[in-house]
Amino acid sequence: MKPDTYLYIFVMAAVTYLVRLLPLTLIKKEIKNTYIKSFLYYVPYVTLSVMTFPAILSATDSIWSGTAAFAAAVLLAYRRKSLLQVSIAACAAAFLVELILV
C-alpha cells in the first residue's frame, strides 16, 4: 500500500472516534429541552430507514419489484399486521412482480 493510504485510514479512524467521543465529553448534564429530546428519540429510526430504503429498491433485478414489496410492507404494517405477515407479503409481492416482468 502507498503511504497515503495509511494516512487516509488514520484520518477516517480519528474522525469516527471524535464523532463518538465529543458528545460524551461535551454534554455532561441531562438534556431537558423537550424539542432536542424528541429529535434524539427519532434519530435511530431515521438512520435505519435511510440505510434500509435504498437496499429495498435495489435488492431485486427490477426497481418495480422492490417498490411493490415496499408498498405491500407499508400497507400491512399500517394495518398493524404481524412482522411475519408483513415480511411474507413483501416477499410474495416482489416474487410476483419479478414473475410478471421476466
N, C-alpha and C. Protein backbone atom coordinates (compact mmCIF):
# COMPACT_ATOMS: atom_id res chain seq x y z
N MET A 1 0.83 -1.19 0.00
CA MET A 1 0.00 0.00 0.00
C MET A 1 0.87 1.24 0.00
N LYS A 2 0.31 2.28 -0.56
CA LYS A 2 1.01 3.56 -0.56
C LYS A 2 0.94 4.19 0.83
N PRO A 3 1.91 5.03 1.16
CA PRO A 3 1.87 5.69 2.47
C PRO A 3 0.63 6.57 2.65
N ASP A 4 0.10 7.11 1.55
CA ASP A 4 -1.10 7.93 1.65
C ASP A 4 -2.30 7.12 2.16
N THR A 5 -2.34 5.87 1.82
CA THR A 5 -3.45 5.02 2.24
C THR A 5 -3.52 4.93 3.76
N TYR A 6 -2.37 4.79 4.39
CA TYR A 6 -2.35 4.73 5.85
C TYR A 6 -2.81 6.05 6.46
N LEU A 7 -2.44 7.15 5.84
CA LEU A 7 -2.89 8.46 6.31
C LEU A 7 -4.40 8.58 6.21
N TYR A 8 -4.97 8.14 5.10
CA TYR A 8 -6.42 8.19 4.92
C TYR A 8 -7.14 7.34 5.96
N ILE A 9 -6.61 6.16 6.21
CA ILE A 9 -7.22 5.28 7.21
C ILE A 9 -7.14 5.91 8.60
N PHE A 10 -6.01 6.52 8.93
CA PHE A 10 -5.85 7.17 10.22
C PHE A 10 -6.83 8.34 10.37
N VAL A 11 -6.96 9.15 9.33
CA VAL A 11 -7.87 10.30 9.40
C VAL A 11 -9.31 9.82 9.56
N MET A 12 -9.70 8.80 8.82
CA MET A 12 -11.07 8.28 8.95
C MET A 12 -11.31 7.72 10.34
N ALA A 13 -10.33 7.03 10.90
CA ALA A 13 -10.48 6.48 12.25
C ALA A 13 -10.59 7.61 13.27
N ALA A 14 -9.78 8.64 13.12
CA ALA A 14 -9.81 9.77 14.06
C ALA A 14 -11.15 10.49 14.00
N VAL A 15 -11.65 10.74 12.80
CA VAL A 15 -12.93 11.43 12.66
C VAL A 15 -14.06 10.59 13.25
N THR A 16 -14.05 9.30 12.98
CA THR A 16 -15.08 8.41 13.53
C THR A 16 -15.03 8.40 15.05
N TYR A 17 -13.84 8.34 15.60
CA TYR A 17 -13.69 8.33 17.05
C TYR A 17 -14.15 9.65 17.66
N LEU A 18 -13.78 10.77 17.04
CA LEU A 18 -14.17 12.07 17.57
C LEU A 18 -15.68 12.28 17.54
N VAL A 19 -16.32 11.83 16.48
CA VAL A 19 -17.77 11.97 16.39
C VAL A 19 -18.46 11.23 17.53
N ARG A 20 -17.89 10.13 17.96
CA ARG A 20 -18.49 9.37 19.06
C ARG A 20 -18.05 9.88 20.43
N LEU A 21 -16.87 10.46 20.49
CA LEU A 21 -16.33 10.89 21.78
C LEU A 21 -16.82 12.27 22.20
N LEU A 22 -16.92 13.20 21.26
CA LEU A 22 -17.25 14.57 21.62
C LEU A 22 -18.59 14.73 22.33
N PRO A 23 -19.66 14.09 21.88
CA PRO A 23 -20.91 14.25 22.65
C PRO A 23 -20.79 13.76 24.09
N LEU A 24 -20.01 12.72 24.32
CA LEU A 24 -19.86 12.21 25.68
C LEU A 24 -19.08 13.17 26.56
N THR A 25 -18.13 13.89 25.98
CA THR A 25 -17.31 14.78 26.79
C THR A 25 -17.91 16.18 26.90
N LEU A 26 -18.63 16.63 25.90
CA LEU A 26 -19.16 17.99 25.92
C LEU A 26 -20.50 18.11 26.64
N ILE A 27 -21.31 17.08 26.57
CA ILE A 27 -22.63 17.13 27.20
C ILE A 27 -22.58 16.30 28.48
N LYS A 28 -22.45 17.00 29.60
CA LYS A 28 -22.30 16.28 30.87
C LYS A 28 -23.60 16.23 31.67
N LYS A 29 -24.48 17.20 31.48
CA LYS A 29 -25.71 17.18 32.25
C LYS A 29 -26.87 16.67 31.40
N GLU A 30 -27.95 16.34 32.06
CA GLU A 30 -29.11 15.77 31.38
C GLU A 30 -29.75 16.80 30.45
N ILE A 31 -30.20 16.32 29.29
CA ILE A 31 -30.87 17.20 28.33
C ILE A 31 -32.31 17.37 28.78
N LYS A 32 -32.72 18.62 29.01
CA LYS A 32 -34.07 18.88 29.50
C LYS A 32 -34.97 19.49 28.43
N ASN A 33 -34.41 19.98 27.36
CA ASN A 33 -35.19 20.58 26.30
C ASN A 33 -36.02 19.49 25.60
N THR A 34 -37.34 19.65 25.58
CA THR A 34 -38.20 18.61 25.01
C THR A 34 -38.02 18.50 23.50
N TYR A 35 -37.73 19.60 22.83
CA TYR A 35 -37.53 19.55 21.38
C TYR A 35 -36.30 18.70 21.04
N ILE A 36 -35.21 18.94 21.73
CA ILE A 36 -33.98 18.17 21.47
C ILE A 36 -34.17 16.71 21.87
N LYS A 37 -34.87 16.46 22.98
CA LYS A 37 -35.12 15.08 23.38
C LYS A 37 -35.96 14.34 22.35
N SER A 38 -36.99 15.00 21.82
CA SER A 38 -37.82 14.34 20.81
C SER A 38 -37.03 14.12 19.53
N PHE A 39 -36.16 15.07 19.18
CA PHE A 39 -35.31 14.91 18.00
C PHE A 39 -34.39 13.70 18.17
N LEU A 40 -33.74 13.60 19.31
CA LEU A 40 -32.82 12.49 19.56
C LEU A 40 -33.55 11.15 19.67
N TYR A 41 -34.81 11.19 20.06
CA TYR A 41 -35.59 9.95 20.16
C TYR A 41 -35.77 9.30 18.79
N TYR A 42 -35.95 10.13 17.75
CA TYR A 42 -36.22 9.59 16.41
C TYR A 42 -34.97 9.33 15.58
N VAL A 43 -33.81 9.71 16.03
CA VAL A 43 -32.58 9.52 15.26
C VAL A 43 -32.32 8.06 14.89
N PRO A 44 -32.45 7.09 15.80
CA PRO A 44 -32.19 5.70 15.38
C PRO A 44 -33.14 5.21 14.29
N TYR A 45 -34.42 5.61 14.36
CA TYR A 45 -35.38 5.18 13.35
C TYR A 45 -35.07 5.79 11.99
N VAL A 46 -34.70 7.04 11.98
CA VAL A 46 -34.37 7.70 10.72
C VAL A 46 -33.11 7.10 10.11
N THR A 47 -32.13 6.83 10.94
CA THR A 47 -30.89 6.24 10.45
C THR A 47 -31.15 4.86 9.85
N LEU A 48 -31.93 4.06 10.52
CA LEU A 48 -32.27 2.74 9.99
C LEU A 48 -33.04 2.85 8.67
N SER A 49 -33.96 3.79 8.60
CA SER A 49 -34.73 3.98 7.37
C SER A 49 -33.85 4.41 6.21
N VAL A 50 -32.95 5.33 6.48
CA VAL A 50 -32.07 5.83 5.42
C VAL A 50 -31.16 4.73 4.90
N MET A 51 -30.74 3.82 5.76
CA MET A 51 -29.89 2.73 5.31
C MET A 51 -30.69 1.61 4.64
N THR A 52 -31.93 1.41 5.06
CA THR A 52 -32.72 0.29 4.55
C THR A 52 -33.42 0.59 3.23
N PHE A 53 -33.95 1.79 3.06
CA PHE A 53 -34.76 2.09 1.88
C PHE A 53 -34.03 1.87 0.56
N PRO A 54 -32.81 2.35 0.37
CA PRO A 54 -32.13 2.06 -0.90
C PRO A 54 -31.88 0.57 -1.12
N ALA A 55 -31.65 -0.15 -0.05
CA ALA A 55 -31.42 -1.60 -0.17
C ALA A 55 -32.70 -2.32 -0.60
N ILE A 56 -33.84 -1.82 -0.16
CA ILE A 56 -35.11 -2.43 -0.57
C ILE A 56 -35.30 -2.29 -2.07
N LEU A 57 -35.04 -1.11 -2.59
CA LEU A 57 -35.26 -0.87 -4.02
C LEU A 57 -34.25 -1.56 -4.90
N SER A 58 -33.05 -1.78 -4.42
CA SER A 58 -32.02 -2.38 -5.26
C SER A 58 -31.77 -3.86 -4.95
N ALA A 59 -32.59 -4.47 -4.13
CA ALA A 59 -32.36 -5.86 -3.74
C ALA A 59 -32.71 -6.85 -4.84
N THR A 60 -33.58 -6.46 -5.75
CA THR A 60 -34.00 -7.35 -6.83
C THR A 60 -33.49 -6.82 -8.16
N ASP A 61 -33.78 -7.56 -9.22
CA ASP A 61 -33.32 -7.14 -10.55
C ASP A 61 -34.04 -5.89 -11.04
N SER A 62 -35.26 -5.70 -10.61
CA SER A 62 -36.07 -4.58 -11.08
C SER A 62 -36.45 -3.68 -9.91
N ILE A 63 -36.43 -2.39 -10.16
CA ILE A 63 -36.84 -1.44 -9.12
C ILE A 63 -38.34 -1.57 -8.85
N TRP A 64 -39.08 -2.06 -9.83
CA TRP A 64 -40.54 -2.20 -9.67
C TRP A 64 -40.89 -3.28 -8.67
N SER A 65 -40.17 -4.35 -8.64
CA SER A 65 -40.46 -5.40 -7.66
C SER A 65 -40.10 -4.94 -6.25
N GLY A 66 -39.04 -4.18 -6.13
CA GLY A 66 -38.70 -3.60 -4.83
C GLY A 66 -39.74 -2.61 -4.36
N THR A 67 -40.25 -1.81 -5.30
CA THR A 67 -41.30 -0.85 -4.96
C THR A 67 -42.59 -1.56 -4.55
N ALA A 68 -42.93 -2.63 -5.26
CA ALA A 68 -44.13 -3.39 -4.90
C ALA A 68 -43.99 -4.02 -3.52
N ALA A 69 -42.82 -4.56 -3.23
CA ALA A 69 -42.58 -5.16 -1.92
C ALA A 69 -42.67 -4.10 -0.83
N PHE A 70 -42.10 -2.94 -1.09
CA PHE A 70 -42.15 -1.84 -0.12
C PHE A 70 -43.58 -1.39 0.12
N ALA A 71 -44.36 -1.26 -0.96
CA ALA A 71 -45.75 -0.83 -0.83
C ALA A 71 -46.57 -1.85 -0.05
N ALA A 72 -46.36 -3.13 -0.33
CA ALA A 72 -47.08 -4.17 0.40
C ALA A 72 -46.71 -4.15 1.88
N ALA A 73 -45.44 -3.97 2.16
CA ALA A 73 -44.99 -3.95 3.56
C ALA A 73 -45.56 -2.74 4.30
N VAL A 74 -45.55 -1.58 3.65
CA VAL A 74 -46.08 -0.38 4.30
C VAL A 74 -47.57 -0.52 4.55
N LEU A 75 -48.30 -1.04 3.57
CA LEU A 75 -49.75 -1.21 3.72
C LEU A 75 -50.09 -2.15 4.87
N LEU A 76 -49.43 -3.29 4.93
CA LEU A 76 -49.74 -4.24 6.00
C LEU A 76 -49.24 -3.76 7.36
N ALA A 77 -48.12 -3.07 7.38
CA ALA A 77 -47.63 -2.52 8.65
C ALA A 77 -48.57 -1.43 9.15
N TYR A 78 -49.11 -0.64 8.24
CA TYR A 78 -50.07 0.40 8.61
C TYR A 78 -51.34 -0.22 9.20
N ARG A 79 -51.70 -1.39 8.71
CA ARG A 79 -52.88 -2.09 9.23
C ARG A 79 -52.55 -2.92 10.47
N ARG A 80 -51.35 -2.76 10.98
CA ARG A 80 -50.88 -3.39 12.23
C ARG A 80 -50.87 -4.91 12.17
N LYS A 81 -50.41 -5.45 11.05
CA LYS A 81 -50.23 -6.89 10.93
C LYS A 81 -48.92 -7.29 11.60
N SER A 82 -48.74 -8.57 11.81
CA SER A 82 -47.52 -9.03 12.48
C SER A 82 -46.32 -8.90 11.55
N LEU A 83 -45.14 -8.94 12.13
CA LEU A 83 -43.92 -8.82 11.35
C LEU A 83 -43.79 -9.97 10.36
N LEU A 84 -44.21 -11.15 10.75
CA LEU A 84 -44.16 -12.30 9.86
C LEU A 84 -45.07 -12.10 8.65
N GLN A 85 -46.28 -11.62 8.89
CA GLN A 85 -47.21 -11.37 7.79
C GLN A 85 -46.68 -10.29 6.85
N VAL A 86 -46.12 -9.25 7.41
CA VAL A 86 -45.58 -8.16 6.59
C VAL A 86 -44.44 -8.65 5.72
N SER A 87 -43.52 -9.41 6.30
CA SER A 87 -42.37 -9.87 5.53
C SER A 87 -42.77 -10.90 4.48
N ILE A 88 -43.71 -11.77 4.79
CA ILE A 88 -44.18 -12.74 3.79
C ILE A 88 -44.87 -12.03 2.64
N ALA A 89 -45.70 -11.05 2.94
CA ALA A 89 -46.39 -10.30 1.88
C ALA A 89 -45.40 -9.52 1.01
N ALA A 90 -44.38 -8.94 1.63
CA ALA A 90 -43.39 -8.20 0.85
C ALA A 90 -42.61 -9.14 -0.06
N CYS A 91 -42.23 -10.29 0.45
CA CYS A 91 -41.52 -11.27 -0.39
C CYS A 91 -42.41 -11.77 -1.52
N ALA A 92 -43.67 -12.03 -1.21
CA ALA A 92 -44.60 -12.51 -2.23
C ALA A 92 -44.83 -11.44 -3.31
N ALA A 93 -44.96 -10.20 -2.89
CA ALA A 93 -45.16 -9.12 -3.87
C ALA A 93 -43.95 -8.99 -4.78
N ALA A 94 -42.76 -9.03 -4.21
CA ALA A 94 -41.55 -8.93 -5.04
C ALA A 94 -41.45 -10.12 -5.99
N PHE A 95 -41.76 -11.30 -5.50
CA PHE A 95 -41.70 -12.51 -6.33
C PHE A 95 -42.69 -12.44 -7.48
N LEU A 96 -43.92 -12.03 -7.19
CA LEU A 96 -44.94 -11.96 -8.24
C LEU A 96 -44.60 -10.92 -9.30
N VAL A 97 -44.11 -9.79 -8.89
CA VAL A 97 -43.74 -8.76 -9.86
C VAL A 97 -42.56 -9.23 -10.70
N GLU A 98 -41.61 -9.91 -10.09
CA GLU A 98 -40.49 -10.46 -10.86
C GLU A 98 -40.97 -11.50 -11.87
N LEU A 99 -41.96 -12.32 -11.49
CA LEU A 99 -42.52 -13.30 -12.42
C LEU A 99 -43.20 -12.62 -13.60
N ILE A 100 -43.90 -11.55 -13.33
CA ILE A 100 -44.61 -10.83 -14.40
C ILE A 100 -43.61 -10.15 -15.33
N LEU A 101 -42.57 -9.57 -14.78
CA LEU A 101 -41.62 -8.82 -15.60
C LEU A 101 -40.69 -9.71 -16.42
N VAL A 102 -40.43 -10.91 -15.95
CA VAL A 102 -39.48 -11.78 -16.66
C VAL A 102 -40.14 -12.66 -17.67
